[in-house]
C-alpha atoms as a PDB file:
ATOM      1  CA  GLN A   1     100.224  98.363 121.341  1.00  0.00           C
ATOM      2  CA  PHE A   2      98.556 101.567 122.538  1.00  0.00           C
ATOM      3  CA  ARG A   3      96.938 103.888 119.987  1.00  0.00           C
ATOM      4  CA  THR A   4      95.017 107.139 120.243  1.00  0.00           C
ATOM      5  CA  HIS A   5      93.251 109.415 117.752  1.00  0.00           C
ATOM      6  CA  LEU A   6      92.251 112.965 118.646  1.00  0.00           C
ATOM      7  CA  ASP A   7      90.084 114.571 115.961  1.00  0.00           C
ATOM      8  CA  PHE A   8      89.579 118.360 116.101  1.00  0.00           C
ATOM      9  CA  GLN A   9      87.185 120.111 113.716  1.00  0.00           C
ATOM     10  CA  ALA A  10      86.177 123.760 113.471  1.00  0.00           C
ATOM     11  CA  SER A  11      83.775 125.738 111.262  1.00  0.00           C
ATOM     12  CA  PHE A  12      84.549 129.398 110.671  1.00  0.00           C
ATOM     13  CA  SER A  13      81.681 130.161 108.269  1.00  0.00           C
ATOM     14  CA  ASP A  14      79.364 128.428 105.808  1.00  0.00           C
ATOM     15  CA  ASN A  15      82.304 128.047 103.415  1.00  0.00           C
ATOM     16  CA  TRP A  16      85.420 127.706 105.592  1.00  0.00           C
ATOM     17  CA  SER A  17      86.340 124.898 107.992  1.00  0.00           C
ATOM     18  CA  ALA A  18      89.443 123.170 109.362  1.00  0.00           C
ATOM     19  CA  ARG A  19      90.421 119.793 110.735  1.00  0.00           C
ATOM     20  CA  MET A  20      93.379 118.460 112.710  1.00  0.00           C
ATOM     21  CA  LEU A  21      93.862 114.746 113.458  1.00  0.00           C
ATOM     22  CA  VAL A  22      96.456 113.865 116.099  1.00  0.00           C
ATOM     23  CA  ARG A  23      97.585 110.223 115.997  1.00  0.00           C
ATOM     24  CA  GLY A  24      99.674 108.550 118.670  1.00  0.00           C
ATOM     25  CA  VAL A  25     101.117 105.019 118.726  1.00  0.00           C
ATOM     26  CA  TYR A  26     103.148 103.344 121.468  1.00  0.00           C
ATOM     27  CA  GLU A  27     104.510  99.883 120.725  1.00  0.00           C
ATOM     28  CA  LEU A  28     105.342  97.822 123.810  1.00  0.00           C
ATOM     29  CA  GLY A  29     107.547  94.871 122.919  1.00  0.00           C
ATOM     30  CA  GLU A  30     110.141  92.698 124.608  1.00  0.00           C
ATOM     31  CA  TYR A  31     112.773  90.896 122.517  1.00  0.00           C
ATOM     32  CA  ASP A  32     114.956  88.175 123.997  1.00  0.00           C
ATOM     33  CA  ASN A  33     117.106  87.856 120.875  1.00  0.00           C
ATOM     34  CA  PHE A  34     118.775  91.246 121.391  1.00  0.00           C
ATOM     35  CA  ASN A  35     122.128  91.482 123.201  1.00  0.00           C
ATOM     36  CA  PRO A  36     122.988  95.125 124.040  1.00  0.00           C
ATOM     37  CA  ASP A  37     126.698  94.218 124.307  1.00  0.00           C
ATOM     38  CA  LYS A  38     126.801  93.266 120.622  1.00  0.00           C
ATOM     39  CA  VAL A  39     125.259  96.354 119.016  1.00  0.00           C
ATOM     40  CA  GLY A  40     126.741  97.092 115.606  1.00  0.00           C
ATOM     41  CA  SER A  41     128.042  93.610 114.888  1.00  0.00           C
ATOM     42  CA  ASN A  42     126.451  90.412 113.719  1.00  0.00           C
ATOM     43  CA  ALA A  43     129.690  88.428 113.618  1.00  0.00           C
ATOM     44  CA  ASP A  44     128.535  86.302 116.546  1.00  0.00           C
ATOM     45  CA  GLY A  45     125.020  85.893 115.258  1.00  0.00           C
ATOM     46  CA  TYR A  46     123.529  88.807 117.157  1.00  0.00           C
ATOM     47  CA  LEU A  47     121.225  91.372 115.662  1.00  0.00           C
ATOM     48  CA  TYR A  48     122.551  94.676 114.390  1.00  0.00           C
ATOM     49  CA  GLY A  49     120.625  96.911 116.769  1.00  0.00           C
ATOM     50  CA  LYS A  50     117.712  97.351 119.101  1.00  0.00           C
ATOM     51  CA  PRO A  51     114.195  96.903 117.730  1.00  0.00           C
ATOM     52  CA  ASN A  52     113.147 100.245 116.269  1.00  0.00           C
ATOM     53  CA  PHE A  53     109.588 100.806 115.119  1.00  0.00           C
ATOM     54  CA  PHE A  54     109.513 104.401 114.021  1.00  0.00           C
ATOM     55  CA  GLU A  55     112.919 106.038 113.618  1.00  0.00           C
ATOM     56  CA  TYR A  56     114.532 106.245 110.194  1.00  0.00           C
ATOM     57  CA  ASP A  57     117.674 104.223 110.927  1.00  0.00           C
ATOM     58  CA  ASN A  58     117.974 101.402 113.438  1.00  0.00           C
ATOM     59  CA  TYR A  59     121.613 101.699 114.418  1.00  0.00           C
ATOM     60  CA  ARG A  60     123.091 104.814 112.843  1.00  0.00           C
ATOM     61  CA  LYS A  61     121.625 108.338 113.021  1.00  0.00           C
ATOM     62  CA  GLY A  62     117.924 107.995 113.800  1.00  0.00           C
ATOM     63  CA  GLY A  63     115.285 110.518 112.766  1.00  0.00           C
ATOM     64  CA  CYS A  64     111.545 110.620 112.114  1.00  0.00           C
ATOM     65  CA  GLN A  65     109.997 109.522 108.847  1.00  0.00           C
ATOM     66  CA  ASN A  66     107.076 111.827 108.120  1.00  0.00           C
ATOM     67  CA  ARG A  67     106.647 115.557 108.077  1.00  0.00           C
ATOM     68  CA  LEU A  68     104.835 116.809 111.210  1.00  0.00           C
ATOM     69  CA  GLU A  69     105.944 113.777 113.241  1.00  0.00           C
ATOM     70  CA  VAL A  70     107.675 113.276 116.595  1.00  0.00           C
ATOM     71  CA  CYS A  71     109.030 109.774 117.184  1.00  0.00           C
ATOM     72  CA  GLY A  72     111.327 107.446 119.112  1.00  0.00           C
ATOM     73  CA  ARG A  73     112.285 103.797 118.966  1.00  0.00           C
ATOM     74  CA  ASN A  74     108.857 102.571 120.104  1.00  0.00           C
ATOM     75  CA  TYR A  75     106.501 105.539 119.787  1.00  0.00           C
ATOM     76  CA  MET A  76     105.293 108.195 117.358  1.00  0.00           C
ATOM     77  CA  VAL A  77     102.925 111.177 117.346  1.00  0.00           C
ATOM     78  CA  ASP A  78     101.980 112.833 114.053  1.00  0.00           C
ATOM     79  CA  LEU A  79      99.351 114.883 112.222  1.00  0.00           C
ATOM     80  CA  PRO A  80      98.060 112.763 109.299  1.00  0.00           C
ATOM     81  CA  ASN A  81      95.408 115.416 108.684  1.00  0.00           C
ATOM     82  CA  PHE A  82      95.985 119.146 109.205  1.00  0.00           C
ATOM     83  CA  THR A  83      93.878 120.941 106.605  1.00  0.00           C
ATOM     84  CA  VAL A  84      91.728 123.949 105.779  1.00  0.00           C
ATOM     85  CA  ASP A  85      88.636 123.437 103.569  1.00  0.00           C
ATOM     86  CA  TYR A  86      86.755 125.842 101.345  1.00  0.00           C
ATOM     87  CA  GLN A  87      83.386 124.582 100.091  1.00  0.00           C
ATOM     88  CA  ASN A  88      80.997 126.451  97.860  1.00  0.00           C
ATOM     89  CA  GLY A  89      78.168 124.280  96.531  1.00  0.00           C
ATOM     90  CA  PRO A  90      79.688 121.531  94.346  1.00  0.00           C
ATOM     91  CA  LEU A  91      83.239 122.904  94.747  1.00  0.00           C
ATOM     92  CA  LEU A  92      85.571 121.714  97.518  1.00  0.00           C
ATOM     93  CA  ILE A  93      89.181 122.876  97.921  1.00  0.00           C
ATOM     94  CA  ARG A  94      91.316 121.291 100.649  1.00  0.00           C
ATOM     95  CA  ALA A  95      94.831 122.531 101.473  1.00  0.00           C
ATOM     96  CA  GLY A  96      97.332 121.260 104.038  1.00  0.00           C
ATOM     97  CA  ASN A  97      98.907 118.020 105.226  1.00  0.00           C
ATOM     98  CA  GLN A  98      96.547 115.267 104.077  1.00  0.00           C
ATOM     99  CA  GLN A  99      96.015 111.692 102.952  1.00  0.00           C
ATOM    100  CA  ILE A 100      94.413 111.299  99.528  1.00  0.00           C
ATOM    101  CA  ALA A 101      92.210 108.201  99.272  1.00  0.00           C
ATOM    102  CA  TRP A 102      91.234 107.151  95.765  1.00  0.00           C
ATOM    103  CA  GLY A 103      90.197 103.591  96.556  1.00  0.00           C
ATOM    104  CA  GLN A 104      87.017 101.944  97.779  1.00  0.00           C
ATOM    105  CA  ALA A 105      88.090  98.306  97.289  1.00  0.00           C
ATOM    106  CA  LEU A 106      89.398  96.383 100.293  1.00  0.00           C
ATOM    107  CA  PHE A 107      92.951  94.960 100.196  1.00  0.00           C
ATOM    108  CA  PHE A 108      93.647  95.918  96.543  1.00  0.00           C
ATOM    109  CA  ARG A 109      94.977  99.364  95.571  1.00  0.00           C
ATOM    110  CA  VAL A 110      94.142  99.697  91.887  1.00  0.00           C
ATOM    111  CA  LEU A 111      93.332 103.405  91.471  1.00  0.00           C
ATOM    112  CA  ASP A 112      94.462 104.367  94.982  1.00  0.00           C
ATOM    113  CA  VAL A 113      97.860 105.658  93.837  1.00  0.00           C
ATOM    114  CA  PRO A 114      98.400 109.252  95.101  1.00  0.00           C
ATOM    115  CA  ASN A 115     100.076 108.245  98.392  1.00  0.00           C
ATOM    116  CA  GLY A 116     102.633 105.625  99.360  1.00  0.00           C
ATOM    117  CA  LEU A 117     102.173 103.378 102.402  1.00  0.00           C
ATOM    118  CA  ASP A 118     103.574 103.499 105.926  1.00  0.00           C
ATOM    119  CA  LEU A 119     104.351  99.863 106.798  1.00  0.00           C
ATOM    120  CA  ARG A 120     106.145 100.439 110.087  1.00  0.00           C
ATOM    121  CA  ARG A 121     103.243  98.838 111.997  1.00  0.00           C
ATOM    122  CA  HIS A 122     101.550  96.765 109.300  1.00  0.00           C
ATOM    123  CA  LEU A 123     102.137  93.618 107.280  1.00  0.00           C
ATOM    124  CA  THR A 124     100.733  92.956 103.802  1.00  0.00           C
ATOM    125  CA  LEU A 125      97.114  92.725 104.946  1.00  0.00           C
ATOM    126  CA  GLY A 126      95.885  95.057 107.675  1.00  0.00           C
ATOM    127  CA  PRO A 127      92.437  95.408 109.256  1.00  0.00           C
ATOM    128  CA  GLY A 128      89.896  95.546 106.453  1.00  0.00           C
ATOM    129  CA  ALA A 129      87.777  98.174 108.203  1.00  0.00           C
ATOM    130  CA  GLU A 130      90.658 100.675 108.059  1.00  0.00           C
ATOM    131  CA  GLU A 131      91.005 100.345 104.267  1.00  0.00           C
ATOM    132  CA  TYR A 132      94.606 101.711 104.360  1.00  0.00           C
ATOM    133  CA  GLN A 133      93.510 104.720 106.427  1.00  0.00           C
ATOM    134  CA  ASP A 134      96.324 104.140 108.928  1.00  0.00           C
ATOM    135  CA  GLN A 135      98.864 103.336 106.186  1.00  0.00           C
ATOM    136  CA  ARG A 136      98.616 106.114 103.600  1.00  0.00           C
ATOM    137  CA  ILE A 137     101.476 108.615 103.828  1.00  0.00           C
ATOM    138  CA  ALA A 138     100.241 112.136 104.561  1.00  0.00           C
ATOM    139  CA  SER A 139     101.969 114.998 102.763  1.00  0.00           C
ATOM    140  CA  PRO A 140     101.343 118.735 102.162  1.00  0.00           C
ATOM    141  CA  GLY A 141      99.202 119.389  99.111  1.00  0.00           C
ATOM    142  CA  VAL A 142      96.086 120.887  97.556  1.00  0.00           C
ATOM    143  CA  ARG A 143      93.056 118.838  96.502  1.00  0.00           C
ATOM    144  CA  LEU A 144      90.117 120.049  94.410  1.00  0.00           C
ATOM    145  CA  SER A 145      86.790 118.293  93.940  1.00  0.00           C
ATOM    146  CA  TYR A 146      83.881 119.428  91.767  1.00  0.00           C
ATOM    147  CA  THR A 147      80.564 117.621  91.265  1.00  0.00           C
ATOM    148  CA  PHE A 148      78.694 118.392  88.043  1.00  0.00           C
ATOM    149  CA  SER A 149      74.912 118.531  87.695  1.00  0.00           C
ATOM    150  CA  ASN A 150      74.822 115.080  86.021  1.00  0.00           C
ATOM    151  CA  GLY A 151      76.563 113.482  89.024  1.00  0.00           C
ATOM    152  CA  PHE A 152      80.027 113.265  87.451  1.00  0.00           C
ATOM    153  CA  GLU A 153      82.808 114.213  89.882  1.00  0.00           C
ATOM    154  CA  LEU A 154      86.229 115.653  89.027  1.00  0.00           C
ATOM    155  CA  ASP A 155      88.910 115.087  91.691  1.00  0.00           C
ATOM    156  CA  ALA A 156      92.380 116.637  91.197  1.00  0.00           C
ATOM    157  CA  PHE A 157      95.435 117.054  93.441  1.00  0.00           C
ATOM    158  CA  ALA A 158      98.974 118.438  93.636  1.00  0.00           C
ATOM    159  CA  GLN A 159     101.070 117.129  96.529  1.00  0.00           C
ATOM    160  CA  MET A 160     104.681 116.993  97.724  1.00  0.00           C
ATOM    161  CA  PHE A 161     106.439 113.654  97.188  1.00  0.00           C
ATOM    162  CA  SER A 162     106.803 111.365 100.207  1.00  0.00           C
ATOM    163  CA  PRO A 163     108.219 107.815  99.917  1.00  0.00           C
ATOM    164  CA  SER A 164     106.709 104.629 101.295  1.00  0.00           C
ATOM    165  CA  LEU A 165     108.110 103.522 104.653  1.00  0.00           C
ATOM    166  CA  LEU A 166     109.309  99.970 105.227  1.00  0.00           C
ATOM    167  CA  PRO A 167     108.934  98.040 108.511  1.00  0.00           C
ATOM    168  CA  GLY A 168     111.677  98.618 111.073  1.00  0.00           C
ATOM    169  CA  GLN A 169     114.435  96.038 111.491  1.00  0.00           C
ATOM    170  CA  ASN A 170     114.002  93.448 114.237  1.00  0.00           C
ATOM    171  CA  THR A 171     110.266  94.209 114.542  1.00  0.00           C
ATOM    172  CA  PRO A 172     107.409  91.721 114.052  1.00  0.00           C
ATOM    173  CA  TYR A 173     106.366  93.556 110.877  1.00  0.00           C
ATOM    174  CA  ASN A 174     109.669  92.935 109.074  1.00  0.00           C
ATOM    175  CA  LEU A 175     110.067  89.522 107.429  1.00  0.00           C
ATOM    176  CA  VAL A 176     113.518  90.236 105.942  1.00  0.00           C
ATOM    177  CA  ASN A 177     116.744  89.063 107.612  1.00  0.00           C
ATOM    178  CA  ASP A 178     118.342  91.723 109.795  1.00  0.00           C
ATOM    179  CA  ASP A 179     121.586  91.995 107.810  1.00  0.00           C
ATOM    180  CA  VAL A 180     119.634  93.004 104.679  1.00  0.00           C
ATOM    181  CA  TYR A 181     118.391  96.594 104.589  1.00  0.00           C
ATOM    182  CA  LEU A 182     117.457  99.198 101.987  1.00  0.00           C
ATOM    183  CA  ASN A 183     119.370 102.471 101.824  1.00  0.00           C
ATOM    184  CA  GLU A 184     116.265 104.556 101.259  1.00  0.00           C
ATOM    185  CA  SER A 185     118.004 107.920 101.623  1.00  0.00           C
ATOM    186  CA  ALA A 186     120.150 107.272  98.546  1.00  0.00           C
ATOM    187  CA  GLY A 187     117.294 105.899  96.462  1.00  0.00           C
ATOM    188  CA  PHE A 188     115.010 108.901  97.061  1.00  0.00           C
ATOM    189  CA  LYS A 189     117.638 111.660  97.000  1.00  0.00           C
ATOM    190  CA  ASP A 190     116.688 112.892  93.515  1.00  0.00           C
ATOM    191  CA  ALA A 191     112.969 112.835  94.311  1.00  0.00           C
ATOM    192  CA  ARG A 192     113.221 115.019  97.404  1.00  0.00           C
ATOM    193  CA  GLY A 193     111.210 118.222  96.972  1.00  0.00           C
ATOM    194  CA  SER A 194     109.395 117.057  93.831  1.00  0.00           C
ATOM    195  CA  MET A 195     105.619 117.264  93.299  1.00  0.00           C
ATOM    196  CA  ASN A 196     103.048 114.624  92.375  1.00  0.00           C
ATOM    197  CA  PHE A 197      99.833 115.607  90.618  1.00  0.00           C
ATOM    198  CA  GLY A 198      96.868 113.934  88.993  1.00  0.00           C
ATOM    199  CA  ALA A 199      93.125 113.930  88.360  1.00  0.00           C
ATOM    200  CA  ARG A 200      90.305 111.435  88.021  1.00  0.00           C
ATOM    201  CA  MET A 201      86.710 111.575  86.797  1.00  0.00           C
ATOM    202  CA  THR A 202      84.039 109.434  88.447  1.00  0.00           C
ATOM    203  CA  MET A 203      81.095 108.875  86.092  1.00  0.00           C
ATOM    204  CA  PRO A 204      77.900 107.143  87.319  1.00  0.00           C
ATOM    205  CA  ILE A 205      76.538 105.859  84.006  1.00  0.00           C
ATOM    206  CA  THR A 206      73.596 103.954  85.484  1.00  0.00           C
ATOM    207  CA  GLU A 207      72.511 102.978  88.977  1.00  0.00           C
ATOM    208  CA  GLN A 208      74.432  99.720  88.594  1.00  0.00           C
ATOM    209  CA  PHE A 209      77.484 100.881  86.620  1.00  0.00           C
ATOM    210  CA  THR A 210      80.070 103.577  87.427  1.00  0.00           C
ATOM    211  CA  ALA A 211      83.155 104.295  85.317  1.00  0.00           C
ATOM    212  CA  ILE A 212      86.322 105.898  86.676  1.00  0.00           C
ATOM    213  CA  VAL A 213      89.189 107.226  84.566  1.00  0.00           C
ATOM    214  CA  GLY A 214      92.282 108.980  85.895  1.00  0.00           C
ATOM    215  CA  VAL A 215      95.818 110.126  85.121  1.00  0.00           C
ATOM    216  CA  VAL A 216      98.666 110.651  87.612  1.00  0.00           C
ATOM    217  CA  ASN A 217     102.222 111.941  87.200  1.00  0.00           C
ATOM    218  CA  ARG A 218     104.240 110.936  90.263  1.00  0.00           C
ATOM    219  CA  ARG A 219     107.536 109.664  91.589  1.00  0.00           C
ATOM    220  CA  ASN A 220     107.353 105.988  92.496  1.00  0.00           C
ATOM    221  CA  PRO A 221     107.007 105.978  96.319  1.00  0.00           C
ATOM    222  CA  ASP A 222     108.323 102.409  96.552  1.00  0.00           C
ATOM    223  CA  GLY A 223     111.804 103.178  95.207  1.00  0.00           C
END
């Protein structure tokens, strides 16, 4: 697998800045269990279609999964971060296509609920150092953060709904038999165009104890 990250940042003034992260992935794989003469039929025990890492549908119409993404069967290029920031002292406002990370614990997403996960190149447990950075679904939205004088921080967001993405059929990341697939387009039809929003308060009570409380109103990204 070949991966690249290009991170562009610009400062326009003391208060205004912007960032664009370009992410590219190319998955090089060879599969001996695919017979191109049997595409579309598993009657003879062959797979339904060619291995497809990034397109929406393996053997029907195709199409990319995320907004601001260009993709093919074994590659993708997208903008997981394309934002403009306004910061004035303790106030930060971020608008644009973004990932919202609410978690600091490795492997367990307890409060980290704003975004669904992109599992097209991941299994259940990914690299711990990434802490879901490569898996959170980016979506257009606005995020506001304000830090009070006592150290308490209010973090609120409003963001367009984007569903979680399952691993592609016939790829090493998919553990489900090829003739079983989820019709995601039907399951998320009613949620298309809806908004998720929420807020949390981080409260450092003592040097050893911090409390976090939050509320989120969202569509379930897992269907």
